[in-house]
Amino acid sequence: MAITAAQVKELREMTGAGMMDAKKALVETDGDMEAAVDWLRTKGLAKAAKKSGRTAAEGLVAVKVDGGTGVAVEVNSETDFVAKNADFQDMVSKIAGAAVNVDSVEALAEADVAGKKVADMITDKIATIGENMSLRRMAKISGDVVATYVHNAATDGMGQIGVVVALKGGDEAFGKQVAMHIAAANPQALNEAELDPSIVEKEKQVQIDIARESGKPDAVIEKMIVGRMKKFLAEITLTGQQFVMDTDKTVAEAAEAAGAEILGFIRMQVGEGIEKEKEDFAAEVAKAAQG
């Protein structure tokens, strides 16, 4: 199939690979972007395997705790100017408060706040502020101790990244340290048992392909894979990561020292997983020239 310049550009931005390497990767994988990233990693040509954080949504994530229950809610807007609007922030705070008493985003949309449904509150705010908004998602967690942290806070309890951590034992101070770690390190799961098996299998296959490129015997490759997978799992699971507050310990070791068991966590970032449509520079210039 024909590979476009836009595809090559996107792959280069995602991986840091050179233009010709990116084009070859796309040719070898018939234009499959995800497979092309893996191909570049196999050849040692990708500097990063993560997509850039292009988002189509602005807005706020709010966190609330009520007793042993914590929630995180994301409400989106078109621009970050709205996220700084006091009326919008007040609405998001009320929505987060209502989320403590429901178990799904659908139920939250129907929840009553001062005699009005959350969905109707948002509709009214759209009319008032003049910008599209949406209740995107919510998550809920419970424990003996529930702690929160908000990164890039716009106001109290809401900002760009919201984290909620549930503990059995320990205290809120330790819980907040763990929440700050999660905001910074962005673990994909609490531990290996809770990690999506497809993520593990995909990484294992990539590492096998990389090892085979070395030309080493199968017995050596097998040992290499065991070591690399152990490192991979430690890097992406919360309990296996080095604790940012004390890098001599893993998070699991820090929790044990604090007399706590981490039951689970929520990490929510505004707009994650939503890609903003980007127009290339030449198209922008052409459009401007046409008036």
Protein backbone atom coordinates (compact mmCIF):
# COMPACT_ATOMS: atom_id res chain seq x y z
CA MET A 1 0.00 0.00 0.00
CA ALA A 2 1.04 3.63 -0.53
CA ILE A 3 2.56 5.27 2.54
CA THR A 4 1.76 8.96 2.95
CA ALA A 5 4.02 11.70 4.25
CA ALA A 6 1.50 12.34 7.04
CA GLN A 7 1.85 8.73 8.24
CA VAL A 8 5.63 9.01 8.24
CA LYS A 9 5.46 12.30 10.15
CA GLU A 10 3.12 10.82 12.77
CA LEU A 11 5.34 7.78 13.30
CA ARG A 12 8.44 9.97 13.63
CA GLU A 13 6.69 12.11 16.27
CA MET A 14 5.65 8.99 18.17
CA THR A 15 9.04 7.29 18.15
CA GLY A 16 11.80 9.76 17.40
CA ALA A 17 12.95 7.54 14.51
CA GLY A 18 14.52 8.93 11.34
CA MET A 19 12.39 9.65 8.27
CA MET A 20 13.63 6.74 6.15
CA ASP A 21 13.44 4.31 9.09
CA ALA A 22 9.87 5.42 9.81
CA LYS A 23 8.90 4.98 6.16
CA LYS A 24 10.50 1.53 5.99
CA ALA A 25 8.69 0.47 9.16
CA LEU A 26 5.34 1.49 7.66
CA VAL A 27 6.11 -0.30 4.39
CA GLU A 28 7.10 -3.47 6.27
CA THR A 29 3.87 -3.41 8.31
CA ASP A 30 1.47 -2.32 5.53
CA GLY A 31 0.81 1.01 7.20
CA ASP A 32 -0.21 -0.43 10.58
CA MET A 33 0.97 2.32 12.96
CA GLU A 34 1.07 0.19 16.11
CA ALA A 35 2.92 -2.63 14.34
CA ALA A 36 5.35 -0.08 12.87
CA VAL A 37 6.21 1.17 16.38
CA ASP A 38 6.98 -2.41 17.43
CA TRP A 39 9.05 -2.97 14.26
CA LEU A 40 11.17 0.08 15.06
CA ARG A 41 11.64 -1.06 18.66
CA THR A 42 12.72 -4.49 17.44
CA LYS A 43 15.36 -2.85 15.25
CA GLY A 44 16.43 -0.55 18.07
CA LEU A 45 15.37 2.51 16.06
CA ALA A 46 12.58 3.87 18.26
CA LYS A 47 13.51 6.30 21.00
CA ALA A 48 10.09 5.99 22.58
CA ALA A 49 7.11 3.67 22.22
CA LYS A 50 4.52 6.08 23.53
CA LYS A 51 2.28 8.30 21.51
CA SER A 52 2.51 12.02 22.15
CA GLY A 53 -0.23 13.39 24.38
CA ARG A 54 -2.37 14.97 21.67
CA THR A 55 -5.78 15.70 23.09
CA ALA A 56 -9.05 17.02 21.72
CA ALA A 57 -10.37 17.82 25.19
CA GLU A 58 -9.61 20.36 27.86
CA GLY A 59 -11.40 20.69 31.19
CA LEU A 60 -10.81 19.41 34.72
CA VAL A 61 -10.43 16.27 36.78
CA ALA A 62 -11.90 16.61 40.27
CA VAL A 63 -11.32 14.32 43.26
CA LYS A 64 -13.49 13.94 46.36
CA VAL A 65 -13.34 11.80 49.49
CA ASP A 66 -16.28 10.94 51.71
CA GLY A 67 -15.31 8.69 54.62
CA GLY A 68 -13.73 5.57 53.15
CA THR A 69 -14.81 6.32 49.56
CA GLY A 70 -12.95 8.39 46.99
CA VAL A 71 -13.94 9.39 43.46
CA ALA A 72 -12.37 11.05 40.45
CA VAL A 73 -14.47 12.72 37.75
CA GLU A 74 -13.50 14.22 34.39
CA VAL A 75 -15.57 17.01 32.85
CA ASN A 76 -14.38 18.25 29.47
CA SER A 77 -14.56 21.61 27.75
CA GLU A 78 -13.28 22.86 24.42
CA THR A 79 -10.61 25.19 25.78
CA ASP A 80 -8.46 25.55 28.87
CA PHE A 81 -9.91 29.04 29.37
CA VAL A 82 -13.15 27.44 30.53
CA ALA A 83 -11.23 25.27 33.00
CA LYS A 84 -10.16 28.51 34.68
CA ASN A 85 -13.72 29.78 34.85
CA ALA A 86 -15.07 29.90 38.44
CA ASP A 87 -18.60 28.89 37.37
CA PHE A 88 -17.27 25.85 35.52
CA GLN A 89 -15.11 24.89 38.51
CA ASP A 90 -18.08 25.20 40.85
CA MET A 91 -20.14 22.91 38.61
CA VAL A 92 -17.35 20.32 38.42
CA SER A 93 -17.01 20.36 42.22
CA LYS A 94 -20.74 19.71 42.64
CA ILE A 95 -20.63 16.88 40.08
CA ALA A 96 -17.73 15.25 41.94
CA GLY A 97 -19.67 15.52 45.19
CA ALA A 98 -22.62 13.73 43.59
CA ALA A 99 -20.32 11.02 42.22
CA VAL A 100 -19.60 9.70 45.72
CA ASN A 101 -23.15 8.31 45.84
CA VAL A 102 -23.33 6.61 42.41
CA ASP A 103 -21.45 3.80 40.69
CA SER A 104 -21.31 4.78 37.01
CA VAL A 105 -20.99 7.82 34.79
CA GLU A 106 -24.48 7.08 33.42
CA ALA A 107 -25.95 7.18 36.93
CA LEU A 108 -23.96 10.34 37.63
CA ALA A 109 -25.52 12.09 34.63
CA GLU A 110 -28.96 11.35 36.12
CA ALA A 111 -27.95 12.25 39.70
CA ASP A 112 -29.73 15.14 41.40
CA VAL A 113 -27.80 18.22 42.50
CA ALA A 114 -29.93 20.89 44.17
CA GLY A 115 -33.03 19.77 42.30
CA LYS A 116 -31.42 19.47 38.89
CA LYS A 117 -29.94 16.51 37.01
CA VAL A 118 -26.18 16.67 36.37
CA ALA A 119 -26.83 16.31 32.62
CA ASP A 120 -29.15 19.34 32.73
CA MET A 121 -26.59 21.32 34.77
CA ILE A 122 -24.05 20.77 32.01
CA THR A 123 -26.56 21.71 29.29
CA ASP A 124 -27.36 24.96 31.11
CA LYS A 125 -23.67 25.74 31.54
CA ILE A 126 -23.08 25.20 27.81
CA ALA A 127 -25.75 27.81 27.10
CA THR A 128 -24.28 30.21 29.66
CA ILE A 129 -20.58 29.91 28.78
CA GLY A 130 -21.08 29.24 25.08
CA GLU A 131 -18.73 26.28 24.76
CA ASN A 132 -19.37 22.57 24.40
CA MET A 133 -18.84 20.48 27.57
CA SER A 134 -19.23 16.82 28.47
CA LEU A 135 -19.20 14.53 31.48
CA ARG A 136 -16.66 12.01 30.26
CA ARG A 137 -15.99 9.51 33.04
CA MET A 138 -15.80 8.74 36.74
CA ALA A 139 -14.09 6.13 38.89
CA LYS A 140 -14.63 5.15 42.52
CA ILE A 141 -12.54 3.35 45.13
CA SER A 142 -12.84 2.46 48.82
CA GLY A 143 -10.49 1.59 51.70
CA ASP A 144 -9.70 2.13 55.37
CA VAL A 145 -7.68 5.18 54.33
CA VAL A 146 -8.36 7.14 51.13
CA ALA A 147 -5.94 9.86 50.03
CA THR A 148 -5.85 12.19 47.03
CA TYR A 149 -3.46 14.37 45.09
CA VAL A 150 -4.10 16.86 42.29
CA HIS A 151 -1.31 17.89 39.93
CA ASN A 152 -1.44 21.27 38.15
CA ALA A 153 -4.38 22.27 40.35
CA ALA A 154 -6.71 24.93 38.97
CA THR A 155 -8.35 25.24 42.37
CA ASP A 156 -8.82 23.09 45.47
CA GLY A 157 -9.46 19.45 44.57
CA MET A 158 -9.31 19.75 40.79
CA GLY A 159 -6.76 20.16 38.04
CA GLN A 160 -5.11 18.38 35.10
CA ILE A 161 -4.28 15.11 36.89
CA GLY A 162 -6.25 13.66 39.79
CA VAL A 163 -5.16 10.64 41.84
CA VAL A 164 -7.07 8.69 44.48
CA VAL A 165 -5.39 5.93 46.53
CA ALA A 166 -7.09 3.40 48.83
CA LEU A 167 -5.13 1.77 51.65
CA LYS A 168 -5.69 -0.86 54.28
CA GLY A 169 -3.73 0.39 57.27
CA GLY A 170 -1.19 3.18 57.10
CA ASP A 171 -2.26 6.81 57.23
CA GLU A 172 -3.34 9.66 54.96
CA ALA A 173 0.15 11.19 54.87
CA PHE A 174 1.62 8.02 53.38
CA GLY A 175 -1.38 7.70 51.08
CA LYS A 176 -0.74 11.18 49.70
CA GLN A 177 2.91 10.31 49.06
CA VAL A 178 1.77 7.27 47.07
CA ALA A 179 -0.74 9.44 45.19
CA MET A 180 2.03 11.89 44.26
CA HIS A 181 4.17 8.98 43.08
CA ILE A 182 1.31 7.72 40.89
CA ALA A 183 0.81 11.17 39.36
CA ALA A 184 4.51 11.27 38.41
CA ALA A 185 5.20 7.63 37.47
CA ASN A 186 1.85 6.76 35.84
CA PRO A 187 1.80 3.00 36.58
CA GLN A 188 -0.45 0.93 34.33
CA ALA A 189 -1.67 -1.39 37.10
CA LEU A 190 -1.34 -2.02 40.83
CA ASN A 191 0.65 -5.23 40.33
CA GLU A 192 1.38 -7.92 37.75
CA ALA A 193 -1.82 -9.83 38.59
CA GLU A 194 -3.96 -6.81 37.62
CA LEU A 195 -2.05 -6.01 34.43
CA ASP A 196 -3.77 -6.72 31.10
CA PRO A 197 -2.23 -10.03 29.88
CA SER A 198 -2.18 -8.72 26.30
CA ILE A 199 0.24 -5.94 27.36
CA VAL A 200 2.59 -8.50 28.87
CA GLU A 201 2.39 -10.81 25.86
CA LYS A 202 2.97 -7.98 23.39
CA GLU A 203 6.05 -6.74 25.27
CA LYS A 204 7.40 -10.28 25.54
CA GLN A 205 7.10 -10.75 21.79
CA VAL A 206 8.87 -7.46 21.14
CA GLN A 207 11.69 -8.44 23.49
CA ILE A 208 12.00 -11.86 21.82
CA ASP A 209 12.31 -10.18 18.42
CA ILE A 210 14.91 -7.73 19.75
CA ALA A 211 16.91 -10.57 21.32
CA ARG A 212 16.83 -12.61 18.10
CA GLU A 213 18.27 -9.65 16.21
CA SER A 214 21.37 -10.06 18.40
CA GLY A 215 22.02 -13.48 16.89
CA LYS A 216 22.65 -15.08 20.28
CA PRO A 217 21.79 -18.77 20.96
CA ASP A 218 18.24 -19.63 22.09
CA ALA A 219 19.41 -20.57 25.59
CA VAL A 220 20.97 -17.13 26.04
CA ILE A 221 17.93 -15.41 24.52
CA GLU A 222 15.63 -17.17 27.00
CA LYS A 223 17.62 -15.79 29.95
CA MET A 224 17.67 -12.33 28.37
CA ILE A 225 13.88 -12.36 28.04
CA VAL A 226 13.35 -13.36 31.69
CA GLY A 227 15.50 -10.46 32.87
CA ARG A 228 14.00 -7.92 30.52
CA MET A 229 10.41 -8.88 31.36
CA LYS A 230 11.15 -8.63 35.07
CA LYS A 231 12.48 -5.11 34.50
CA PHE A 232 9.48 -4.21 32.31
CA LEU A 233 6.96 -5.38 34.91
CA ALA A 234 8.77 -3.50 37.68
CA GLU A 235 8.63 -0.31 35.64
CA ILE A 236 4.91 -0.36 34.83
CA THR A 237 3.32 -1.78 38.00
CA LEU A 238 2.86 0.45 41.03
CA THR A 239 4.14 -2.02 43.62
CA GLY A 240 7.24 -2.79 41.55
CA GLN A 241 8.26 0.81 40.83
CA GLN A 242 10.99 2.61 42.75
CA PHE A 243 9.25 4.90 45.23
CA VAL A 244 9.84 8.53 44.24
CA MET A 245 9.95 9.57 47.90
CA ASP A 246 12.64 7.00 48.73
CA THR A 247 14.34 5.47 45.71
CA ASP A 248 16.08 2.87 47.87
CA LYS A 249 12.68 1.16 48.21
CA THR A 250 10.03 -0.10 45.85
CA VAL A 251 6.49 1.15 46.47
CA ALA A 252 5.63 -2.28 47.90
CA GLU A 253 8.56 -2.06 50.35
CA ALA A 254 7.61 1.49 51.33
CA ALA A 255 4.02 0.39 51.97
CA GLU A 256 5.19 -2.48 54.17
CA ALA A 257 7.40 -0.12 56.15
CA ALA A 258 4.42 2.21 56.64
CA GLY A 259 2.21 -0.66 57.82
CA ALA A 260 -0.05 -0.25 54.81
CA GLU A 261 -1.45 -2.39 52.01
CA ILE A 262 -2.31 -0.55 48.78
CA LEU A 263 -5.74 -1.78 47.72
CA GLY A 264 -5.98 0.18 44.50
CA PHE A 265 -5.72 3.54 42.82
CA ILE A 266 -7.30 5.85 40.27
CA ARG A 267 -5.20 8.10 38.06
CA MET A 268 -7.16 10.35 35.73
CA GLN A 269 -5.67 12.94 33.38
CA VAL A 270 -7.66 15.47 31.40
CA GLY A 271 -8.11 14.40 27.79
CA GLU A 272 -6.00 11.24 27.92
CA GLY A 273 -6.88 8.85 25.12
CA ILE A 274 -8.63 11.51 23.04
CA GLU A 275 -6.64 12.72 20.06
CA LYS A 276 -6.99 16.21 18.68
CA GLU A 277 -7.19 16.47 14.94
CA LYS A 278 -4.07 18.26 13.71
CA GLU A 279 -3.80 20.01 10.41
CA ASP A 280 -0.37 20.00 8.80
CA PHE A 281 1.43 23.31 8.37
CA ALA A 282 1.13 23.36 4.58
CA ALA A 283 -2.64 22.88 4.82
CA GLU A 284 -2.86 25.73 7.34
CA VAL A 285 -0.96 28.08 5.01
CA ALA A 286 -3.10 27.07 2.03
CA LYS A 287 -6.28 27.70 3.98
CA ALA A 288 -5.02 31.11 5.13
CA ALA A 289 -4.12 32.05 1.54
CA GLN A 290 -7.66 31.24 0.41
CA GLY A 291 -8.97 33.65 3.04
